[in-house]
Protein backbone atom coordinates (compact mmCIF):
# COMPACT_ATOMS: atom_id res chain seq x y z
CA MET A 1 115.13 79.02 -48.62
CA GLU A 2 113.80 81.75 -50.93
CA LEU A 3 115.99 84.07 -51.61
CA ASN A 4 114.31 87.61 -52.30
CA ILE A 5 117.05 90.79 -53.17
CA GLN A 6 115.94 94.30 -53.44
CA GLY A 7 117.39 96.75 -55.42
CA ASP A 8 120.96 95.76 -57.61
CA PRO A 9 122.91 92.89 -56.25
CA GLY A 10 125.72 93.74 -58.25
CA THR A 11 127.48 91.45 -59.75
CA GLY A 12 130.02 88.31 -58.96
CA ASN A 13 128.02 87.95 -56.08
CA THR A 14 127.43 84.39 -55.14
CA PHE A 15 124.77 82.98 -52.03
CA THR A 16 125.28 79.71 -50.81
CA ASP A 17 122.39 77.74 -48.83
CA ILE A 18 124.05 75.93 -46.54
CA HIS A 19 121.95 73.33 -43.62
CA ILE A 20 123.73 71.21 -40.99
CA ASN A 21 121.39 69.06 -39.45
CA ASN A 22 124.00 67.46 -37.15
CA VAL A 23 127.68 68.17 -36.42
CA GLU A 24 129.39 65.18 -34.37
CA THR A 25 132.82 65.47 -33.84
CA PHE A 26 135.43 62.06 -35.25
CA ALA A 27 137.55 60.97 -32.58
CA PRO A 28 138.08 57.74 -33.76
CA ASN A 29 140.17 56.85 -30.15
CA ALA A 30 137.99 58.52 -27.85
CA THR A 31 137.18 55.73 -25.31
CA THR A 32 134.34 57.80 -23.64
CA VAL A 33 131.24 60.16 -25.36
CA VAL A 34 129.78 62.85 -23.61
CA ASN A 35 126.56 64.19 -25.66
CA ASN A 36 125.67 67.50 -23.91
CA HIS A 37 124.08 69.95 -26.53
CA TYR A 38 122.72 72.02 -24.08
CA GLY A 39 125.54 72.80 -21.66
CA ASP A 40 122.74 71.82 -18.63
CA GLU A 41 124.23 69.19 -17.44
CA LYS A 42 127.72 69.47 -15.38
CA LYS A 43 130.71 67.06 -16.36
CA PRO A 44 132.44 65.09 -13.61
CA ARG A 45 135.28 66.19 -12.13
CA ALA A 46 138.04 64.15 -11.63
CA SER A 47 139.18 63.62 -7.46
CA SER A 48 142.32 65.39 -6.80
CA ASP A 49 142.78 63.03 -3.74
CA ALA A 50 143.21 60.29 -6.35
CA THR A 51 145.50 61.67 -8.74
CA LEU A 52 147.57 62.83 -5.24
CA GLN A 53 149.88 60.46 -3.47
CA GLY A 54 148.42 60.06 0.03
CA ALA A 55 150.96 62.09 1.86
CA GLU A 56 151.03 64.63 -0.85
CA SER A 57 147.16 65.32 0.21
CA VAL A 58 148.00 65.15 3.74
CA ARG A 59 150.31 67.72 3.17
CA ARG A 60 148.19 69.99 1.67
CA LYS A 61 145.89 70.07 3.72
CA THR A 62 147.97 70.67 6.71
CA GLU A 63 149.27 73.83 4.86
CA ILE A 64 145.22 74.81 4.85
CA MET A 65 144.65 74.25 8.29
CA GLN A 66 148.24 76.41 9.06
CA TYR A 67 146.58 79.01 6.38
CA VAL A 68 143.55 78.87 8.60
CA ASN A 69 144.89 79.08 12.15
CA HIS A 70 146.08 82.63 10.90
CA LEU A 71 142.53 83.74 11.86
CA LYS A 72 142.04 81.84 15.20
CA GLN A 73 142.27 85.49 16.77
CA TYR A 74 139.26 86.22 15.14
CA VAL A 75 137.10 83.28 15.62
CA THR A 76 134.06 84.44 18.21
CA PRO A 77 134.83 82.55 21.93
CA ALA A 78 131.61 80.12 21.10
CA TRP A 79 133.22 78.76 18.18
CA ARG A 80 137.67 79.35 19.34
CA ASP A 81 137.57 74.93 20.88
CA ARG A 82 136.34 73.49 17.78
CA TYR A 83 137.49 75.87 14.62
CA GLU A 84 140.08 73.31 14.20
CA ALA A 85 137.78 70.51 14.22
CA THR A 86 135.10 71.96 11.92
CA TRP A 87 137.69 72.91 9.60
CA GLN A 88 139.22 69.11 9.29
CA ALA A 89 135.67 67.96 8.84
CA ILE A 90 134.56 70.46 6.24
CA LEU A 91 138.09 69.15 4.21
CA ARG A 92 137.25 65.56 4.76
CA LEU A 93 133.74 66.56 2.54
CA PRO A 94 134.24 64.88 -0.77
CA GLU A 95 132.75 68.36 -2.74
CA VAL A 96 135.26 69.82 -0.74
CA SER A 97 138.46 67.54 -0.78
CA SER A 98 138.21 67.16 -4.48
CA VAL A 99 139.13 70.38 -5.40
CA VAL A 100 140.81 71.64 -2.34
CA CYS A 101 143.90 70.48 -2.87
CA GLU A 102 144.49 71.88 -6.69
CA PRO A 103 145.47 75.53 -6.85
CA GLY A 104 144.52 75.24 -10.82
CA LYS A 105 146.41 78.50 -12.21
CA GLN A 106 146.54 80.30 -8.52
CA LYS A 107 150.22 81.02 -7.86
CA ASP A 108 152.11 80.96 -5.36
CA THR A 109 150.08 78.18 -3.26
CA ASN A 110 149.79 74.58 -3.28
CA PHE A 111 145.88 74.67 -2.69
CA ASN A 112 142.70 76.26 -3.83
CA ARG A 113 143.04 79.49 -1.79
CA ASN A 114 139.81 80.68 -3.80
CA LEU A 115 138.39 78.03 -2.34
CA VAL A 116 139.64 78.37 1.16
CA ALA A 117 138.42 81.81 1.05
CA ASN A 118 135.30 81.28 -0.01
CA ILE A 119 134.28 78.71 2.85
CA ILE A 120 135.97 81.98 5.29
CA TYR A 121 133.26 84.15 3.83
CA ILE A 122 130.64 81.44 4.64
CA MET A 123 132.10 81.27 8.29
CA CYS A 124 131.70 85.52 8.85
CA GLU A 125 128.29 85.25 7.35
CA LYS A 126 127.32 82.26 10.29
CA GLY A 127 128.63 84.26 12.98
CA ILE A 128 132.03 81.66 13.59
CA ILE A 129 134.94 84.24 12.14
CA ALA A 130 133.44 87.79 14.21
CA GLU A 131 135.83 89.94 11.59
CA ASN A 132 133.75 90.88 8.46
CA ASN A 133 135.84 93.16 6.90
CA ALA A 134 138.51 91.54 4.03
CA THR A 135 141.18 94.16 4.10
CA THR A 136 141.72 92.61 7.51
CA LEU A 137 141.35 89.00 6.91
CA ALA A 138 143.59 89.51 3.83
CA LYS A 139 146.21 91.21 6.02
CA ALA A 140 146.06 88.28 8.67
CA LEU A 141 146.34 85.48 5.78
CA GLU A 142 148.61 86.67 3.56
CA GLY A 143 150.39 89.87 4.66
CA ASP A 144 149.02 92.04 2.85
CA LYS A 145 146.05 93.90 2.88
CA ASP A 146 146.21 94.22 -1.53
CA HIS A 147 146.18 90.11 -1.89
CA PRO A 148 143.85 89.07 -4.39
CA VAL A 149 142.54 86.64 -1.88
CA ARG A 150 140.97 89.75 -0.24
CA ALA A 151 138.21 89.83 -3.28
CA GLN A 152 137.67 86.09 -2.80
CA LEU A 153 136.67 86.44 1.28
CA ARG A 154 133.53 88.15 -0.09
CA VAL A 155 132.45 85.46 -2.27
CA LYS A 156 130.23 82.52 -1.71
CA PRO A 157 131.43 79.29 -3.51
CA GLU A 158 130.28 78.33 -7.43
CA ASP A 159 128.89 74.85 -7.04
CA LYS A 160 126.04 75.21 -5.20
CA LEU A 161 126.30 71.45 -4.05
CA THR A 162 129.29 72.62 -1.83
CA LEU A 163 127.63 75.50 -0.55
CA GLU A 164 125.31 73.35 0.34
CA LYS A 165 127.30 70.94 2.00
CA ILE A 166 129.12 73.29 4.23
CA HIS A 167 125.85 75.47 5.16
CA ASN A 168 124.53 71.95 6.78
CA LEU A 169 127.90 71.39 8.66
CA LEU A 170 128.18 74.72 10.07
CA ARG A 171 124.57 74.33 11.64
């Protein structure tokens, strides 16, 4: 490295030239090494169904069904007979079932309420749910028009694969 200083740099100043070629973490007890230096590879998600007991998973999916049934009054007549079956099929998708039973940091819920709201948004787009107003839907779901779920009723799921699978199922 060539250091070219213009003017008077003062006295007592030091300049250090450091070259770092490769930095790795030393973890002698690690069992898996993942070298993802550029962030383009997705980390695999651990299936929450595998960690949950079978009965607990069934209970949480039952809670989800009770939650989405609050919107049954807004389901279009063509979808009324198959609304619950459609939700059960969505919950069986591996991409959905692996994350829907874990609430994460969401409060006052036992399931991923944000993902459920994102799926409801897709159903509104597809014409399964006739009501498109997020405030009305939030009031029906939570009894409060200002509930944080309202913002998620206007957003698609972040995971592209999940979004694609749900779109394919709702054709």
